[in-house]
Amino acid sequence: MAFDKNDKDDLSAKDAIEERLNWVRRWSRIVLRQLARSVAHEEVIQHAREEGQMSGRFVFMVVMSCAIATLGLLLSSPAVIIGAMLISPLMGPIMLMGFSLSTFDFPAMRRAMVSMAWGVIAAISISFLIVRLSPLSEVTPEIIARTRPNLFDLLVAIFSGLAGGYATINRKGETIVGVAIATALMPPLAVVGYGLAVGSAGISGGAFFLFMTNLLAIALSVTVLSRIFSFGASHGRRSTLWQSVAIVFVFGALSIPLGLSLRDIAYETQAVSTVKSRILLPFDDEEARISDVSVAFPRKESIQIDATVLTKTIVPNAETTLAADLADQLGRPVIVNLGQVLVDEDKELEAEAFLRLAESSLAAPLRTEMSRLEQYGQLRQSEAELRAAIPFQVTAADIDAASRQATLIAAPQPGLTVTSYRTLETGLSGNFPDWSIKVIPPTSELPLIGFDNGSDVVSPANAGLIDDILWVLDRWIVKSVEVVGYASTSGEVRRFDNQSLALRRAQNISTILEERGLIASPTGEYRAFRQSTDEKLRGYQRYQTVLIRPTG
């Protein structure tokens, strides 16, 4: 059979490719043999076994590290979180898991998994306990950052695992690399405990998925690197092939959801940028500006946008126009809640007109008038900003921009208490320090002041509530009150003692009020013949209280 020239050329090209592949294989084997000769395999394995075994020191250091990390998360302090990693011992069991998988040492793998399991339980438990006892339980940016793992988190874990395996094999820099590995593992565990403590399945579930992603990625990265250094080489090619397939499968399974999460995060970032760039589309950009924008992305629902725009002219149907435009831009239904705050900025145009007139012979009087109008415009703008910042409904508002004084009469709103209105007044005063702001709560029954069973002494926990009541009485301009004390039926056989207890409670509260300049009339109320029935309806604790009634 004869070959033409093209067939010969094809054979020559295939031979050249095969020769290059053989050359790469030869040099790869040479490099791997050289790497294997530079490592004391037995010493490395023995060291990994010692560091990965279960011990009291391991559990104690995990608890201390997670406690510090939890406090750092609650305080939103990256420095504290990183500091917690310096004492974390999690690197030991993970290294042992990676090496035992490489050498098929299943007893060692079982010991490593037991150590890691006890570490996880101890870490989540101390985090749960700290959050439950802490007065700070708000979600911080550091906590949120560990509830949505993505593909970048997987890459961080892979690089940490490779660095950790290399440091362990060469017995150099293990402490520093251990910090990097603990950074990828301990904060997610602390967030799992936080989510369980506050009852948020979304937070604890997302953080646990991040922890498992990092744990598997680090351990498998150690396995890959250890095989490169010829750990477990005696098991043959078939075992190596099985390991490779398993590792590729795990990384592939992790990459799919993490890649989708990264895609969602990228979409949300781009969507927020698009919203901010187009929020003024229905307005004249020279006459309107954005006060605040909030964008929410509920799962499989419309994007929700809440925004406030400061404008000189109210634009009808602005929400509809903006929602249609953003839905077209973002490819999803959009719900827009747009608040338009009317502001007066004509002072700039007036100033320009008076500057032109100032060139005439009437320059001095016109400059004076121009200055007066500028000040008037600034007062109008300051008043508008204050009105826009009021976070509750008002029935009336007396705002004097010239003297920087404002009195706001609040409308009744479900869920807002006396303490809430006082807090709102404090917040407004803090945001407008040069203003004197008073918030007058709507008239309603004052909150009950509670007492311990059988006690007539005001507990420290109620001192703040008494201050809030005094604050609202001052806002209502109340000078005299009736103080009614109650006692429960728990001492029914000592009826006269309960009558005395109710009166003593009222007298003690009256003394506090009189020290603050109020006229107080104490009364003790105890009706055993029907009170036990009322207690079943209204609650036993209702009659361990004192009620203050304004009288004038």
Protein backbone atom coordinates (compact mmCIF):
# COMPACT_ATOMS: atom_id res chain seq x y z
CA MET A 1 0.00 0.00 0.00
CA ALA A 2 1.37 3.40 -0.98
CA PHE A 3 1.14 6.57 1.10
CA ASP A 4 0.80 9.94 -0.47
CA LYS A 5 2.63 13.02 0.78
CA ASN A 6 -0.25 14.24 2.98
CA ASP A 7 -0.39 10.91 4.83
CA LYS A 8 3.34 11.08 5.49
CA ASP A 9 3.00 14.64 6.78
CA ASP A 10 0.20 13.56 9.15
CA LEU A 11 2.31 10.72 10.52
CA SER A 12 5.25 13.04 11.01
CA ALA A 13 3.09 15.52 12.95
CA LYS A 14 1.70 12.74 15.16
CA ASP A 15 5.19 11.41 15.84
CA ALA A 16 6.35 14.91 16.79
CA ILE A 17 3.45 15.36 19.22
CA GLU A 18 4.05 11.93 20.73
CA GLU A 19 7.73 12.69 21.14
CA ARG A 20 6.96 15.94 22.94
CA LEU A 21 4.50 14.18 25.27
CA ASN A 22 7.10 11.53 26.08
CA TRP A 23 9.62 14.27 26.82
CA VAL A 24 7.15 15.96 29.19
CA ARG A 25 6.45 12.63 30.94
CA ARG A 26 10.16 11.91 31.42
CA TRP A 27 10.88 15.32 32.89
CA SER A 28 7.75 15.14 35.09
CA ARG A 29 8.91 11.83 36.55
CA ILE A 30 12.38 13.28 37.13
CA VAL A 31 10.97 16.33 38.91
CA LEU A 32 8.57 14.27 41.05
CA ARG A 33 11.39 11.86 42.04
CA GLN A 34 13.53 14.83 43.01
CA LEU A 35 10.72 16.30 45.10
CA ALA A 36 10.14 12.93 46.79
CA ARG A 37 13.85 12.60 47.70
CA SER A 38 13.79 16.03 49.40
CA VAL A 39 11.03 15.05 51.85
CA ALA A 40 11.21 12.81 54.94
CA HIS A 41 7.84 11.14 54.40
CA GLU A 42 7.65 9.19 57.66
CA GLU A 43 8.56 12.24 59.77
CA VAL A 44 5.92 14.38 58.02
CA ILE A 45 3.22 11.72 58.50
CA GLN A 46 4.16 11.28 62.18
CA HIS A 47 4.05 15.04 62.71
CA ALA A 48 0.61 15.25 61.08
CA ARG A 49 -0.68 12.44 63.31
CA GLU A 50 0.55 14.20 66.46
CA GLU A 51 -0.95 17.56 65.50
CA GLY A 52 -4.29 16.13 64.35
CA GLN A 53 -5.17 13.95 67.30
CA MET A 54 -7.91 14.78 69.81
CA SER A 55 -6.82 16.39 73.09
CA GLY A 56 -8.05 18.69 75.83
CA ARG A 57 -5.70 21.41 74.63
CA PHE A 58 -7.22 21.21 71.14
CA VAL A 59 -10.80 21.70 72.41
CA PHE A 60 -9.76 24.50 74.78
CA MET A 61 -7.93 26.44 72.07
CA VAL A 62 -10.87 25.99 69.66
CA VAL A 63 -13.23 27.43 72.28
CA MET A 64 -10.95 30.40 72.97
CA SER A 65 -10.42 31.12 69.28
CA CYS A 66 -14.13 30.92 68.43
CA ALA A 67 -15.05 33.10 71.42
CA ILE A 68 -12.72 35.85 70.22
CA ALA A 69 -13.94 35.46 66.64
CA THR A 70 -17.59 35.74 67.78
CA LEU A 71 -16.87 38.96 69.65
CA GLY A 72 -15.08 40.30 66.59
CA LEU A 73 -18.12 39.49 64.43
CA LEU A 74 -20.52 41.20 66.85
CA LEU A 75 -18.25 44.26 66.99
CA SER A 76 -17.67 44.12 63.20
CA SER A 77 -13.93 44.30 63.85
CA PRO A 78 -11.70 42.55 61.26
CA ALA A 79 -8.68 43.06 63.52
CA VAL A 80 -10.26 41.07 66.36
CA ILE A 81 -11.38 38.33 63.97
CA ILE A 82 -7.89 37.94 62.52
CA GLY A 83 -6.42 38.00 66.04
CA ALA A 84 -8.60 35.03 66.97
CA MET A 85 -6.94 33.01 64.21
CA LEU A 86 -3.52 33.23 65.86
CA ILE A 87 -4.57 30.69 68.50
CA SER A 88 -6.78 28.43 66.38
CA PRO A 89 -5.60 24.79 66.22
CA LEU A 90 -7.81 23.71 63.28
CA MET A 91 -4.87 23.24 60.91
CA GLY A 92 -3.81 19.97 62.60
CA PRO A 93 -6.89 17.78 61.95
CA ILE A 94 -7.28 19.13 58.40
CA MET A 95 -3.68 18.33 57.51
CA LEU A 96 -4.14 14.82 58.92
CA MET A 97 -7.33 14.36 56.86
CA GLY A 98 -5.50 15.37 53.68
CA PHE A 99 -2.45 13.15 54.26
CA SER A 100 -4.53 10.15 55.43
CA LEU A 101 -6.63 10.35 52.26
CA SER A 102 -3.45 10.43 50.19
CA THR A 103 -1.93 7.40 51.96
CA PHE A 104 -5.25 5.53 52.48
CA ASP A 105 -4.66 5.56 56.24
CA PHE A 106 -8.32 5.26 57.25
CA PRO A 107 -7.73 4.90 61.05
CA ALA A 108 -5.84 8.22 60.96
CA MET A 109 -8.63 9.77 58.90
CA ARG A 110 -11.17 8.60 61.45
CA ARG A 111 -9.17 10.21 64.28
CA ALA A 112 -8.91 13.46 62.33
CA MET A 113 -12.64 13.51 61.65
CA VAL A 114 -13.42 12.88 65.33
CA SER A 115 -11.12 15.73 66.35
CA MET A 116 -12.71 18.06 63.80
CA ALA A 117 -16.23 17.05 64.90
CA TRP A 118 -15.49 17.85 68.55
CA GLY A 119 -13.90 21.12 67.50
CA VAL A 120 -16.99 22.06 65.46
CA ILE A 121 -19.34 21.23 68.33
CA ALA A 122 -17.25 23.20 70.84
CA ALA A 123 -16.93 26.21 68.52
CA ILE A 124 -20.65 26.40 67.69
CA SER A 125 -21.59 25.94 71.35
CA ILE A 126 -19.44 28.81 72.66
CA SER A 127 -20.58 31.07 69.83
CA PHE A 128 -24.25 30.25 70.58
CA LEU A 129 -23.73 30.94 74.30
CA ILE A 130 -21.96 34.28 73.77
CA VAL A 131 -24.63 35.58 71.36
CA ARG A 132 -27.46 34.50 73.67
CA LEU A 133 -25.87 36.36 76.61
CA SER A 134 -24.70 39.38 74.62
CA PRO A 135 -26.71 42.64 74.51
CA LEU A 136 -25.37 43.06 70.97
CA SER A 137 -27.10 40.76 68.50
CA GLU A 138 -27.56 42.91 65.39
CA VAL A 139 -26.36 41.55 62.05
CA THR A 140 -23.04 43.19 61.12
CA PRO A 141 -21.30 43.39 57.73
CA GLU A 142 -18.72 40.84 58.93
CA ILE A 143 -21.53 38.36 59.65
CA ILE A 144 -23.32 38.99 56.35
CA ALA A 145 -20.05 38.48 54.44
CA ARG A 146 -19.96 34.85 55.64
CA THR A 147 -23.52 33.86 54.77
CA ARG A 148 -23.23 33.89 50.97
CA PRO A 149 -20.26 31.75 49.86
CA ASN A 150 -19.18 32.03 46.24
CA LEU A 151 -16.53 30.74 43.85
CA PHE A 152 -13.92 33.16 45.18
CA ASP A 153 -14.30 31.58 48.66
CA LEU A 154 -13.54 28.20 47.09
CA LEU A 155 -10.38 29.61 45.48
CA VAL A 156 -9.29 31.09 48.83
CA ALA A 157 -9.72 27.68 50.46
CA ILE A 158 -7.78 25.90 47.69
CA PHE A 159 -4.84 28.29 47.90
CA SER A 160 -4.89 28.07 51.72
CA GLY A 161 -4.83 24.27 51.52
CA LEU A 162 -1.93 24.23 49.06
CA ALA A 163 0.02 26.66 51.24
CA GLY A 164 -0.76 24.63 54.36
CA GLY A 165 0.26 21.34 52.75
CA TYR A 166 3.51 22.80 51.44
CA ALA A 167 4.36 24.31 54.83
CA THR A 168 3.65 21.00 56.59
CA ILE A 169 5.68 18.96 54.13
CA ASN A 170 8.69 21.30 54.35
CA ARG A 171 8.15 21.97 58.08
CA LYS A 172 8.46 25.75 57.58
CA GLY A 173 5.98 28.55 58.21
CA GLU A 174 3.24 26.31 59.57
CA THR A 175 2.07 28.89 62.14
CA ILE A 176 1.54 31.65 59.59
CA VAL A 177 -0.23 29.31 57.16
CA GLY A 178 -2.34 27.98 60.03
CA VAL A 179 -3.67 31.51 60.53
CA ALA A 180 -4.77 31.63 56.90
CA ILE A 181 -6.52 28.27 57.19
CA ALA A 182 -8.22 29.23 60.45
CA THR A 183 -9.38 32.47 58.84
CA ALA A 184 -11.29 30.40 56.29
CA LEU A 185 -12.84 28.10 58.93
CA MET A 186 -13.31 29.69 62.36
CA PRO A 187 -15.41 32.80 61.42
CA PRO A 188 -17.97 30.68 59.50
CA LEU A 189 -18.31 28.40 62.54
CA ALA A 190 -18.87 31.45 64.76
CA VAL A 191 -21.56 32.69 62.35
CA VAL A 192 -23.27 29.26 62.49
CA GLY A 193 -23.54 29.66 66.26
CA TYR A 194 -24.81 33.22 65.81
CA GLY A 195 -27.51 32.10 63.36
CA LEU A 196 -28.69 29.36 65.74
CA ALA A 197 -28.76 31.82 68.65
CA VAL A 198 -30.91 34.40 66.82
CA GLY A 199 -33.08 31.75 65.18
CA SER A 200 -32.04 32.50 61.58
CA ALA A 201 -31.84 29.34 59.48
CA GLY A 202 -30.64 31.36 56.47
CA ILE A 203 -27.61 32.75 58.31
CA SER A 204 -26.59 29.48 59.99
CA GLY A 205 -27.18 27.44 56.80
CA GLY A 206 -25.17 29.77 54.57
CA ALA A 207 -22.29 29.95 57.06
CA PHE A 208 -22.23 26.14 57.49
CA PHE A 209 -22.12 25.66 53.71
CA LEU A 210 -19.15 28.06 53.60
CA PHE A 211 -17.44 26.09 56.39
CA MET A 212 -17.94 22.73 54.67
CA THR A 213 -16.76 24.21 51.35
CA ASN A 214 -13.56 25.48 52.95
CA LEU A 215 -13.01 22.28 54.92
CA LEU A 216 -13.32 19.99 51.89
CA ALA A 217 -11.35 22.29 49.60
CA ILE A 218 -8.45 22.63 52.04
CA ALA A 219 -8.30 18.90 52.82
CA LEU A 220 -8.45 17.87 49.16
CA SER A 221 -5.84 20.48 48.21
CA VAL A 222 -3.52 18.94 50.81
CA THR A 223 -4.22 15.51 49.28
CA VAL A 224 -3.31 16.73 45.78
CA LEU A 225 -0.09 18.35 46.96
CA SER A 226 0.92 15.34 49.03
CA ARG A 227 0.51 13.05 46.00
CA ILE A 228 2.77 15.39 44.03
CA PHE A 229 5.40 14.83 46.75
CA SER A 230 4.87 11.05 46.36
CA PHE A 231 2.92 10.42 49.57
CA GLY A 232 0.97 7.19 49.02
CA ALA A 233 2.86 6.42 45.81
CA SER A 234 3.03 2.72 46.70
CA HIS A 235 -0.72 2.29 46.15
CA GLY A 236 -0.37 2.29 42.35
CA ARG A 237 -1.97 4.03 39.43
CA ARG A 238 -5.46 2.66 40.00
CA SER A 239 -5.68 4.23 43.45
CA THR A 240 -4.32 7.49 42.10
CA LEU A 241 -6.96 7.45 39.37
CA TRP A 242 -9.71 6.83 41.95
CA GLN A 243 -8.45 9.71 44.08
CA SER A 244 -8.26 12.04 41.09
CA VAL A 245 -11.82 11.25 40.00
CA ALA A 246 -13.14 11.78 43.55
CA ILE A 247 -11.29 15.10 43.95
CA VAL A 248 -12.45 16.39 40.56
CA PHE A 249 -16.03 15.35 41.38
CA VAL A 250 -16.02 17.14 44.76
CA PHE A 251 -14.50 20.33 43.34
CA GLY A 252 -16.98 20.24 40.46
CA ALA A 253 -19.93 19.72 42.81
CA LEU A 254 -18.81 22.64 44.96
CA SER A 255 -18.08 24.89 42.00
CA ILE A 256 -21.60 24.77 40.56
CA PRO A 257 -23.55 26.34 43.47
CA LEU A 258 -20.67 28.66 44.34
CA GLY A 259 -20.41 29.82 40.75
CA LEU A 260 -24.15 30.49 40.68
CA SER A 261 -23.84 32.45 43.92
CA LEU A 262 -21.00 34.52 42.46
CA ARG A 263 -23.14 35.18 39.40
CA ASP A 264 -25.99 36.40 41.62
CA ILE A 265 -23.68 38.67 43.61
CA ALA A 266 -22.26 40.14 40.41
CA TYR A 267 -25.79 40.70 39.08
CA GLU A 268 -26.88 42.42 42.30
CA THR A 269 -23.81 44.68 42.29
CA GLN A 270 -24.45 45.67 38.69
CA ALA A 271 -28.17 46.15 39.42
CA VAL A 272 -27.49 48.50 42.33
CA SER A 273 -25.13 50.54 40.13
CA THR A 274 -27.79 50.71 37.39
CA VAL A 275 -30.48 51.79 39.86
CA LYS A 276 -28.32 54.59 41.27
CA SER A 277 -27.40 55.82 37.79
CA ARG A 278 -31.01 55.92 36.54
CA ILE A 279 -32.99 56.89 39.64
CA LEU A 280 -33.17 60.53 38.45
CA LEU A 281 -34.39 59.58 34.97
CA PRO A 282 -37.91 61.05 35.46
CA PHE A 283 -36.43 64.29 36.85
CA ASP A 284 -34.30 67.13 35.55
CA ASP A 285 -30.81 66.21 36.79
CA GLU A 286 -29.99 69.84 37.47
CA GLU A 287 -32.96 70.26 39.78
CA ALA A 288 -33.06 66.94 41.66
CA ARG A 289 -30.68 64.87 43.73
CA ILE A 290 -30.77 61.51 45.50
CA SER A 291 -31.20 61.49 49.27
CA ASP A 292 -31.09 57.72 49.85
CA VAL A 293 -31.54 54.46 47.90
CA SER A 294 -32.19 50.91 49.14
CA VAL A 295 -32.33 47.89 46.80
CA ALA A 296 -33.59 44.45 47.94
CA PHE A 297 -33.46 41.20 45.95
CA PRO A 298 -36.09 38.73 47.29
CA ARG A 299 -35.69 35.26 45.82
CA LYS A 300 -37.78 34.71 42.65
CA GLU A 301 -39.67 37.94 43.28
CA SER A 302 -39.63 41.50 42.02
CA ILE A 303 -36.66 43.70 42.88
CA GLN A 304 -37.78 46.17 45.54
CA ILE A 305 -36.40 49.71 45.44
CA ASP A 306 -36.99 52.34 48.12
CA ALA A 307 -35.61 55.79 47.34
CA THR A 308 -35.98 59.42 48.36
CA VAL A 309 -35.33 62.23 45.86
CA LEU A 310 -34.99 65.91 46.72
CA THR A 311 -36.62 67.87 43.91
CA LYS A 312 -37.90 71.37 43.14
CA THR A 313 -40.89 70.02 41.25
CA ILE A 314 -43.03 66.99 42.08
CA VAL A 315 -43.10 64.68 39.03
CA PRO A 316 -46.37 62.74 38.61
CA ASN A 317 -46.09 59.04 37.70
CA ALA A 318 -42.36 59.09 38.44
CA GLU A 319 -42.57 55.67 40.12
CA THR A 320 -44.29 54.08 37.11
CA THR A 321 -41.80 55.55 34.65
CA LEU A 322 -38.80 54.49 36.73
CA ALA A 323 -40.16 50.97 37.36
CA ALA A 324 -40.72 50.37 33.64
CA ASP A 325 -37.23 51.63 32.72
CA LEU A 326 -35.45 49.60 35.42
CA ALA A 327 -37.42 46.45 34.58
CA ASP A 328 -36.20 46.80 30.99
CA GLN A 329 -32.61 47.42 32.12
CA LEU A 330 -32.45 44.66 34.76
CA GLY A 331 -34.58 42.02 33.06
CA ARG A 332 -36.73 41.42 36.15
CA PRO A 333 -39.97 42.94 37.51
CA VAL A 334 -39.26 46.00 39.66
CA ILE A 335 -41.32 47.58 42.44
CA VAL A 336 -40.38 51.20 43.14
CA ASN A 337 -41.36 53.14 46.27
CA LEU A 338 -40.21 56.67 45.47
CA GLY A 339 -40.50 59.53 47.94
CA GLN A 340 -40.29 63.04 46.50
CA VAL A 341 -39.29 65.79 48.94
CA LEU A 342 -39.94 69.32 47.74
CA VAL A 343 -37.00 71.69 48.24
CA ASP A 344 -36.54 75.36 47.32
CA GLU A 345 -33.27 76.17 45.56
CA ASP A 346 -34.34 79.36 43.76
CA LYS A 347 -32.01 81.28 46.01
CA GLU A 348 -29.14 80.60 43.59
CA LEU A 349 -31.05 82.19 40.67
CA GLU A 350 -32.01 85.13 42.86
CA ALA A 351 -28.39 85.61 43.89
CA GLU A 352 -27.23 85.74 40.26
CA ALA A 353 -29.88 88.38 39.42
CA PHE A 354 -28.85 90.56 42.33
CA LEU A 355 -25.17 90.24 41.46
CA ARG A 356 -25.93 91.71 38.05
CA LEU A 357 -27.88 94.57 39.62
CA ALA A 358 -25.09 95.14 42.11
CA GLU A 359 -22.98 96.68 39.33
CA SER A 360 -25.33 99.67 39.25
CA SER A 361 -25.29 102.68 41.53
CA LEU A 362 -27.56 100.81 43.97
CA ALA A 363 -24.84 98.22 44.69
CA ALA A 364 -24.74 98.46 48.49
CA PRO A 365 -28.50 98.16 49.16
CA LEU A 366 -28.82 95.35 46.63
CA ARG A 367 -25.98 93.36 48.18
CA THR A 368 -27.70 93.66 51.54
CA GLU A 369 -30.97 92.42 50.07
CA MET A 370 -29.15 89.60 48.26
CA SER A 371 -27.55 88.46 51.52
CA ARG A 372 -30.94 88.49 53.24
CA LEU A 373 -32.48 86.33 50.51
CA GLU A 374 -29.57 83.87 50.62
CA GLN A 375 -30.02 83.43 54.35
CA TYR A 376 -33.76 82.95 53.86
CA GLY A 377 -33.13 80.29 51.20
CA GLN A 378 -30.70 78.45 53.49
CA LEU A 379 -33.29 78.41 56.27
CA ARG A 380 -35.90 77.01 53.87
CA GLN A 381 -33.55 74.25 52.76
CA SER A 382 -32.60 73.36 56.37
CA GLU A 383 -36.28 73.13 57.31
CA ALA A 384 -36.98 70.87 54.31
CA GLU A 385 -34.12 68.54 55.25
CA LEU A 386 -35.45 68.28 58.82
CA ARG A 387 -38.96 67.45 57.58
CA ALA A 388 -37.55 64.79 55.26
CA ALA A 389 -35.64 63.18 58.15
CA ILE A 390 -38.67 62.72 60.46
CA PRO A 391 -39.09 58.90 60.67
CA PHE A 392 -42.68 58.86 61.98
CA GLN A 393 -46.06 60.35 61.14
CA VAL A 394 -46.96 63.68 62.71
CA THR A 395 -50.32 65.35 63.27
CA ALA A 396 -48.72 68.80 63.52
CA ALA A 397 -45.23 70.31 63.40
CA ASP A 398 -44.05 73.73 64.58
CA ILE A 399 -40.67 74.33 62.90
CA ASP A 400 -38.91 77.68 63.29
CA ALA A 401 -35.84 77.59 61.03
CA ALA A 402 -34.64 81.01 62.18
CA SER A 403 -34.32 80.01 65.84
CA ARG A 404 -33.53 76.34 65.01
CA GLN A 405 -36.43 75.03 67.12
CA ALA A 406 -38.90 72.29 66.21
CA THR A 407 -41.84 70.76 68.06
CA LEU A 408 -43.24 67.57 66.47
CA ILE A 409 -46.61 66.16 67.61
CA ALA A 410 -46.56 62.45 66.77
CA ALA A 411 -49.57 60.62 65.38
CA PRO A 412 -50.59 57.30 67.02
CA GLN A 413 -48.66 54.43 65.43
CA PRO A 414 -48.89 50.72 66.40
CA GLY A 415 -45.69 49.34 67.87
CA LEU A 416 -44.19 52.67 69.01
CA THR A 417 -43.88 53.00 72.80
CA VAL A 418 -42.92 55.86 75.09
CA THR A 419 -39.33 54.62 74.97
CA SER A 420 -39.46 54.51 71.16
CA TYR A 421 -40.54 58.15 70.87
CA ARG A 422 -37.82 59.25 73.28
CA THR A 423 -35.23 57.32 71.26
CA LEU A 424 -36.49 58.94 68.04
CA GLU A 425 -36.14 62.39 69.60
CA THR A 426 -32.58 61.58 70.67
CA GLY A 427 -31.75 60.36 67.15
CA LEU A 428 -33.13 63.49 65.47
CA SER A 429 -31.25 65.72 67.91
CA GLY A 430 -28.05 63.84 67.14
CA ASN A 431 -28.53 64.20 63.38
CA PHE A 432 -29.37 67.93 63.70
CA PRO A 433 -27.13 69.09 66.59
CA ASP A 434 -27.75 72.78 65.95
CA TRP A 435 -31.53 72.34 66.37
CA SER A 436 -33.63 72.14 69.54
CA ILE A 437 -36.09 69.33 68.78
CA LYS A 438 -39.00 68.16 70.92
CA VAL A 439 -41.13 65.13 70.10
CA ILE A 440 -44.57 65.03 71.79
CA PRO A 441 -45.94 61.44 71.89
CA PRO A 442 -49.65 60.81 71.31
CA THR A 443 -51.77 60.58 74.46
CA SER A 444 -52.21 57.02 75.70
CA GLU A 445 -52.01 54.99 78.89
CA LEU A 446 -48.51 55.10 80.35
CA PRO A 447 -46.58 51.81 80.62
CA LEU A 448 -46.86 49.85 83.88
CA ILE A 449 -43.88 49.87 86.26
CA GLY A 450 -43.22 46.27 87.32
CA PHE A 451 -42.14 44.95 90.74
CA ASP A 452 -40.83 41.61 91.91
CA ASN A 453 -43.33 39.39 93.72
CA GLY A 454 -43.79 40.65 97.29
CA SER A 455 -41.35 43.58 96.85
CA ASP A 456 -42.06 47.30 97.11
CA VAL A 457 -38.59 48.40 95.94
CA VAL A 458 -38.14 49.65 92.39
CA SER A 459 -35.72 47.33 90.60
CA PRO A 460 -32.74 48.85 88.67
CA ALA A 461 -34.22 47.46 85.45
CA ASN A 462 -37.19 49.82 85.82
CA ALA A 463 -35.14 52.97 86.43
CA GLY A 464 -34.93 53.66 82.71
CA LEU A 465 -38.71 53.17 82.30
CA ILE A 466 -39.39 55.73 85.05
CA ASP A 467 -37.08 58.19 83.26
CA ASP A 468 -39.05 57.60 80.03
CA ILE A 469 -42.35 58.24 81.85
CA LEU A 470 -40.98 61.46 83.38
CA TRP A 471 -39.86 62.52 79.89
CA VAL A 472 -43.33 62.01 78.38
CA LEU A 473 -45.02 63.77 81.32
CA ASP A 474 -42.75 66.74 80.68
CA ARG A 475 -43.66 66.69 76.98
CA TRP A 476 -47.36 66.56 77.88
CA ILE A 477 -46.84 69.45 80.36
CA VAL A 478 -48.35 67.37 83.19
CA LYS A 479 -47.87 68.74 86.71
CA SER A 480 -49.92 66.35 88.87
CA VAL A 481 -50.56 62.61 88.67
CA GLU A 482 -52.35 59.82 90.49
CA VAL A 483 -50.11 56.86 91.34
CA VAL A 484 -52.04 53.57 91.67
CA GLY A 485 -50.28 50.58 93.21
CA TYR A 486 -51.43 46.97 92.72
CA ALA A 487 -50.72 43.68 94.51
CA SER A 488 -51.56 40.14 93.41
CA THR A 489 -53.79 37.57 95.11
CA SER A 490 -50.81 35.35 95.92
CA GLY A 491 -51.07 36.41 99.56
CA GLU A 492 -54.86 36.13 99.85
CA VAL A 493 -54.64 34.77 103.40
CA ARG A 494 -52.78 38.00 104.27
CA ARG A 495 -55.20 40.38 102.60
CA PHE A 496 -54.25 43.38 104.68
CA ASP A 497 -50.55 42.76 103.95
CA ASN A 498 -51.33 42.91 100.20
CA GLN A 499 -53.28 46.13 100.63
CA SER A 500 -50.29 47.60 102.45
CA LEU A 501 -47.90 46.30 99.76
CA ALA A 502 -49.93 47.97 96.98
CA LEU A 503 -49.91 51.28 98.85
CA ARG A 504 -46.19 51.10 99.63
CA ARG A 505 -45.42 50.56 95.96
CA ALA A 506 -47.47 53.62 95.02
CA GLN A 507 -45.80 55.70 97.74
CA ASN A 508 -42.30 54.76 96.62
CA ILE A 509 -43.04 55.76 93.01
CA SER A 510 -44.71 58.97 94.27
CA THR A 511 -41.56 59.88 96.18
CA ILE A 512 -39.49 59.57 92.98
CA LEU A 513 -41.95 61.71 91.03
CA GLU A 514 -42.10 64.40 93.72
CA GLU A 515 -38.31 64.63 93.72
CA ARG A 516 -38.64 65.54 90.02
CA GLY A 517 -41.11 68.35 90.74
CA LEU A 518 -44.46 66.57 90.18
CA ILE A 519 -47.46 66.48 92.50
CA ALA A 520 -48.22 62.79 93.13
CA SER A 521 -51.19 61.20 94.95
CA PRO A 522 -50.50 57.55 95.91
CA THR A 523 -53.33 55.01 96.05
CA GLY A 524 -53.23 51.27 96.80
CA GLU A 525 -55.75 49.07 95.00
CA TYR A 526 -56.45 45.46 96.02
CA ARG A 527 -59.80 43.71 95.46
CA ALA A 528 -59.40 40.06 96.36
CA PHE A 529 -63.05 39.15 95.80
CA ARG A 530 -62.77 39.57 92.01
CA GLN A 531 -59.10 40.17 91.30
CA SER A 532 -58.19 36.49 90.98
CA THR A 533 -60.62 36.25 88.06
CA ASP A 534 -59.11 39.32 86.43
CA GLU A 535 -55.63 37.87 86.86
CA LYS A 536 -56.58 34.83 84.79
CA LEU A 537 -57.75 37.13 82.00
CA ARG A 538 -55.11 39.87 82.12
CA GLY A 539 -52.14 37.99 83.54
CA TYR A 540 -50.72 37.51 87.03
CA GLN A 541 -47.85 39.96 86.49
CA ARG A 542 -50.35 42.76 85.69
CA TYR A 543 -51.00 43.07 89.43
CA GLN A 544 -47.33 43.35 90.40
CA THR A 545 -47.19 46.92 89.03
CA VAL A 546 -47.79 50.62 89.55
CA LEU A 547 -49.84 52.74 87.11
CA ILE A 548 -49.38 56.50 86.70
CA ARG A 549 -52.41 58.53 85.60
CA PRO A 550 -52.04 62.22 84.63
CA THR A 551 -54.56 64.42 86.45
CA GLY A 552 -53.54 67.98 85.58
